[in-house]
Amino acid sequence: MASKRHKNQIELLQGTLDLLILEQLRWGPSHGYGLSQAIRLHSGDVLHVDAGSIYPALHRLEREGLIRGQWAVSDKKQRTRAYRLTPRGRRRLAGERAKWEQMSMAIAGVLSRARSSES
């Protein structure tokens, strides 16, 4: 069963993880594990982002000033770092969403043409 799940996973394009993280933070602050779980959930269990990918991305986005992290103590008395979008991050998200939508439409156009020529 696990092998079938991994078979259906999709490799993220470079830069796509940043877009997904920024999009999830649009809905409110979250910690790394929460972001990873939200991406998995909202992708229908197709996209799985492990700690080895999410935390370097969070650190990079924080260095770029797109997100801000703040230490807090969770309900379970564990120290966690919650991240939130900065105004600069919101602007970047808007631009990246527009690019992604344009790219998605372009790819859909190529794929639909390929399908129609197969008929």
C-alpha atoms as a PDB file:
ATOM      1  CA  MET A   1       0.000   0.000   0.000  1.00  0.00           C
ATOM      2  CA  ALA A   2       2.821   2.441   0.850  1.00  0.00           C
ATOM      3  CA  SER A   3       4.469   1.791  -2.509  1.00  0.00           C
ATOM      4  CA  LYS A   4       1.256   2.770  -4.319  1.00  0.00           C
ATOM      5  CA  ARG A   5       1.132   6.032  -2.366  1.00  0.00           C
ATOM      6  CA  HIS A   6       4.731   6.834  -3.292  1.00  0.00           C
ATOM      7  CA  LYS A   7       4.038   5.888  -6.904  1.00  0.00           C
ATOM      8  CA  ASN A   8       1.344   8.584  -7.080  1.00  0.00           C
ATOM      9  CA  GLN A   9       3.509  11.322  -5.577  1.00  0.00           C
ATOM     10  CA  ILE A  10       4.545  14.170  -7.797  1.00  0.00           C
ATOM     11  CA  GLU A  11       7.991  15.744  -7.670  1.00  0.00           C
ATOM     12  CA  LEU A  12       7.732  19.463  -6.989  1.00  0.00           C
ATOM     13  CA  LEU A  13       9.211  21.799  -9.560  1.00  0.00           C
ATOM     14  CA  GLN A  14      11.954  24.042  -8.286  1.00  0.00           C
ATOM     15  CA  GLY A  15      10.376  27.115  -6.728  1.00  0.00           C
ATOM     16  CA  THR A  16       6.969  25.477  -6.347  1.00  0.00           C
ATOM     17  CA  LEU A  17       7.549  24.631  -2.688  1.00  0.00           C
ATOM     18  CA  ASP A  18       8.115  28.321  -1.907  1.00  0.00           C
ATOM     19  CA  LEU A  19       4.799  29.162  -3.581  1.00  0.00           C
ATOM     20  CA  LEU A  20       2.994  26.433  -1.613  1.00  0.00           C
ATOM     21  CA  ILE A  21       4.466  27.612   1.688  1.00  0.00           C
ATOM     22  CA  LEU A  22       3.578  31.251   1.015  1.00  0.00           C
ATOM     23  CA  GLU A  23       0.059  30.226   0.015  1.00  0.00           C
ATOM     24  CA  GLN A  24      -0.470  28.212   3.199  1.00  0.00           C
ATOM     25  CA  LEU A  25       0.812  31.106   5.321  1.00  0.00           C
ATOM     26  CA  ARG A  26      -1.709  33.387   3.621  1.00  0.00           C
ATOM     27  CA  TRP A  27      -4.315  31.679   5.805  1.00  0.00           C
ATOM     28  CA  GLY A  28      -2.428  32.374   9.033  1.00  0.00           C
ATOM     29  CA  PRO A  29       0.725  31.579  10.991  1.00  0.00           C
ATOM     30  CA  SER A  30       1.972  28.006  11.140  1.00  0.00           C
ATOM     31  CA  HIS A  31       4.993  25.947  12.082  1.00  0.00           C
ATOM     32  CA  GLY A  32       6.957  23.750   9.687  1.00  0.00           C
ATOM     33  CA  TYR A  33       5.208  20.478  10.486  1.00  0.00           C
ATOM     34  CA  GLY A  34       1.799  22.154  10.218  1.00  0.00           C
ATOM     35  CA  LEU A  35       2.719  23.558   6.809  1.00  0.00           C
ATOM     36  CA  SER A  36       3.869  20.146   5.628  1.00  0.00           C
ATOM     37  CA  GLN A  37       0.605  18.563   6.788  1.00  0.00           C
ATOM     38  CA  ALA A  38      -1.527  21.318   5.215  1.00  0.00           C
ATOM     39  CA  ILE A  39       0.211  20.869   1.855  1.00  0.00           C
ATOM     40  CA  ARG A  40      -0.352  17.113   2.050  1.00  0.00           C
ATOM     41  CA  LEU A  41      -4.007  17.526   3.047  1.00  0.00           C
ATOM     42  CA  HIS A  42      -4.890  20.195   0.494  1.00  0.00           C
ATOM     43  CA  SER A  43      -3.169  18.288  -2.318  1.00  0.00           C
ATOM     44  CA  GLY A  44      -5.325  15.239  -1.703  1.00  0.00           C
ATOM     45  CA  ASP A  45      -2.407  13.348  -0.149  1.00  0.00           C
ATOM     46  CA  VAL A  46      -0.360  13.664  -3.358  1.00  0.00           C
ATOM     47  CA  LEU A  47       2.292  16.174  -2.275  1.00  0.00           C
ATOM     48  CA  HIS A  48       4.443  15.102   0.671  1.00  0.00           C
ATOM     49  CA  VAL A  49       7.044  17.570   1.902  1.00  0.00           C
ATOM     50  CA  ASP A  50       9.528  16.164   4.385  1.00  0.00           C
ATOM     51  CA  ALA A  51      11.482  18.033   7.046  1.00  0.00           C
ATOM     52  CA  GLY A  52      14.605  17.943   4.871  1.00  0.00           C
ATOM     53  CA  SER A  53      12.790  20.121   2.334  1.00  0.00           C
ATOM     54  CA  ILE A  54      10.417  22.299   4.356  1.00  0.00           C
ATOM     55  CA  TYR A  55      12.853  23.694   6.922  1.00  0.00           C
ATOM     56  CA  PRO A  56      15.550  24.801   4.455  1.00  0.00           C
ATOM     57  CA  ALA A  57      12.790  26.477   2.411  1.00  0.00           C
ATOM     58  CA  LEU A  58      11.439  28.241   5.516  1.00  0.00           C
ATOM     59  CA  HIS A  59      14.923  29.461   6.451  1.00  0.00           C
ATOM     60  CA  ARG A  60      15.521  30.734   2.892  1.00  0.00           C
ATOM     61  CA  LEU A  61      12.157  32.537   2.794  1.00  0.00           C
ATOM     62  CA  GLU A  62      12.902  34.102   6.170  1.00  0.00           C
ATOM     63  CA  ARG A  63      16.338  35.313   4.990  1.00  0.00           C
ATOM     64  CA  GLU A  64      14.635  36.866   1.954  1.00  0.00           C
ATOM     65  CA  GLY A  65      12.230  38.745   4.239  1.00  0.00           C
ATOM     66  CA  LEU A  66       9.150  36.999   2.823  1.00  0.00           C
ATOM     67  CA  ILE A  67       8.187  35.368   6.112  1.00  0.00           C
ATOM     68  CA  ARG A  68       8.962  36.042   9.762  1.00  0.00           C
ATOM     69  CA  GLY A  69       9.423  33.340  12.375  1.00  0.00           C
ATOM     70  CA  GLN A  70       8.743  33.714  16.068  1.00  0.00           C
ATOM     71  CA  TRP A  71       9.433  31.233  18.856  1.00  0.00           C
ATOM     72  CA  ALA A  72       6.504  30.146  21.020  1.00  0.00           C
ATOM     73  CA  VAL A  73       5.522  27.311  23.355  1.00  0.00           C
ATOM     74  CA  SER A  74       2.875  24.913  22.045  1.00  0.00           C
ATOM     75  CA  ASP A  75      -0.077  23.496  23.975  1.00  0.00           C
ATOM     76  CA  LYS A  76       2.095  20.436  24.572  1.00  0.00           C
ATOM     77  CA  LYS A  77       4.759  22.640  26.185  1.00  0.00           C
ATOM     78  CA  GLN A  78       7.172  22.237  23.267  1.00  0.00           C
ATOM     79  CA  ARG A  79       9.107  25.096  21.737  1.00  0.00           C
ATOM     80  CA  THR A  80       7.963  25.745  18.174  1.00  0.00           C
ATOM     81  CA  ARG A  81       8.717  28.383  15.596  1.00  0.00           C
ATOM     82  CA  ALA A  82       5.609  29.819  13.986  1.00  0.00           C
ATOM     83  CA  TYR A  83       5.966  31.566  10.651  1.00  0.00           C
ATOM     84  CA  ARG A  84       3.820  34.315   9.170  1.00  0.00           C
ATOM     85  CA  LEU A  85       3.813  36.211   5.882  1.00  0.00           C
ATOM     86  CA  THR A  86       5.366  39.652   5.765  1.00  0.00           C
ATOM     87  CA  PRO A  87       3.949  42.380   3.511  1.00  0.00           C
ATOM     88  CA  ARG A  88       6.820  41.642   1.115  1.00  0.00           C
ATOM     89  CA  GLY A  89       5.827  37.948   1.189  1.00  0.00           C
ATOM     90  CA  ARG A  90       2.225  38.834   0.323  1.00  0.00           C
ATOM     91  CA  ARG A  91       3.415  40.817  -2.699  1.00  0.00           C
ATOM     92  CA  ARG A  92       5.677  37.953  -3.808  1.00  0.00           C
ATOM     93  CA  LEU A  93       2.819  35.476  -3.394  1.00  0.00           C
ATOM     94  CA  ALA A  94       0.544  37.568  -5.615  1.00  0.00           C
ATOM     95  CA  GLY A  95       3.189  37.729  -8.334  1.00  0.00           C
ATOM     96  CA  GLU A  96       4.046  34.030  -8.108  1.00  0.00           C
ATOM     97  CA  ARG A  97       0.361  33.025  -8.195  1.00  0.00           C
ATOM     98  CA  ALA A  98      -0.131  35.053 -11.367  1.00  0.00           C
ATOM     99  CA  LYS A  99       2.899  33.400 -12.993  1.00  0.00           C
ATOM    100  CA  TRP A 100       1.735  29.939 -11.886  1.00  0.00           C
ATOM    101  CA  GLU A 101      -1.768  30.486 -13.313  1.00  0.00           C
ATOM    102  CA  GLN A 102      -0.294  31.654 -16.619  1.00  0.00           C
ATOM    103  CA  MET A 103       2.030  28.643 -16.746  1.00  0.00           C
ATOM    104  CA  SER A 104      -0.788  26.228 -15.836  1.00  0.00           C
ATOM    105  CA  MET A 105      -3.000  27.588 -18.614  1.00  0.00           C
ATOM    106  CA  ALA A 106      -0.153  27.364 -21.126  1.00  0.00           C
ATOM    107  CA  ILE A 107       0.608  23.743 -20.199  1.00  0.00           C
ATOM    108  CA  ALA A 108      -3.096  22.838 -20.276  1.00  0.00           C
ATOM    109  CA  GLY A 109      -3.302  24.325 -23.766  1.00  0.00           C
ATOM    110  CA  VAL A 110      -0.372  22.246 -25.005  1.00  0.00           C
ATOM    111  CA  LEU A 111      -1.749  19.075 -23.407  1.00  0.00           C
ATOM    112  CA  SER A 112      -5.272  19.581 -24.759  1.00  0.00           C
ATOM    113  CA  ARG A 113      -3.869  20.112 -28.256  1.00  0.00           C
ATOM    114  CA  ALA A 114      -1.832  16.928 -27.936  1.00  0.00           C
ATOM    115  CA  ARG A 115      -4.957  15.014 -26.843  1.00  0.00           C
ATOM    116  CA  SER A 116      -7.069  16.365 -29.717  1.00  0.00           C
ATOM    117  CA  SER A 117      -4.425  15.395 -32.297  1.00  0.00           C
ATOM    118  CA  GLU A 118      -4.374  11.805 -30.952  1.00  0.00           C
ATOM    119  CA  SER A 119      -8.081  11.375 -31.812  1.00  0.00           C
END
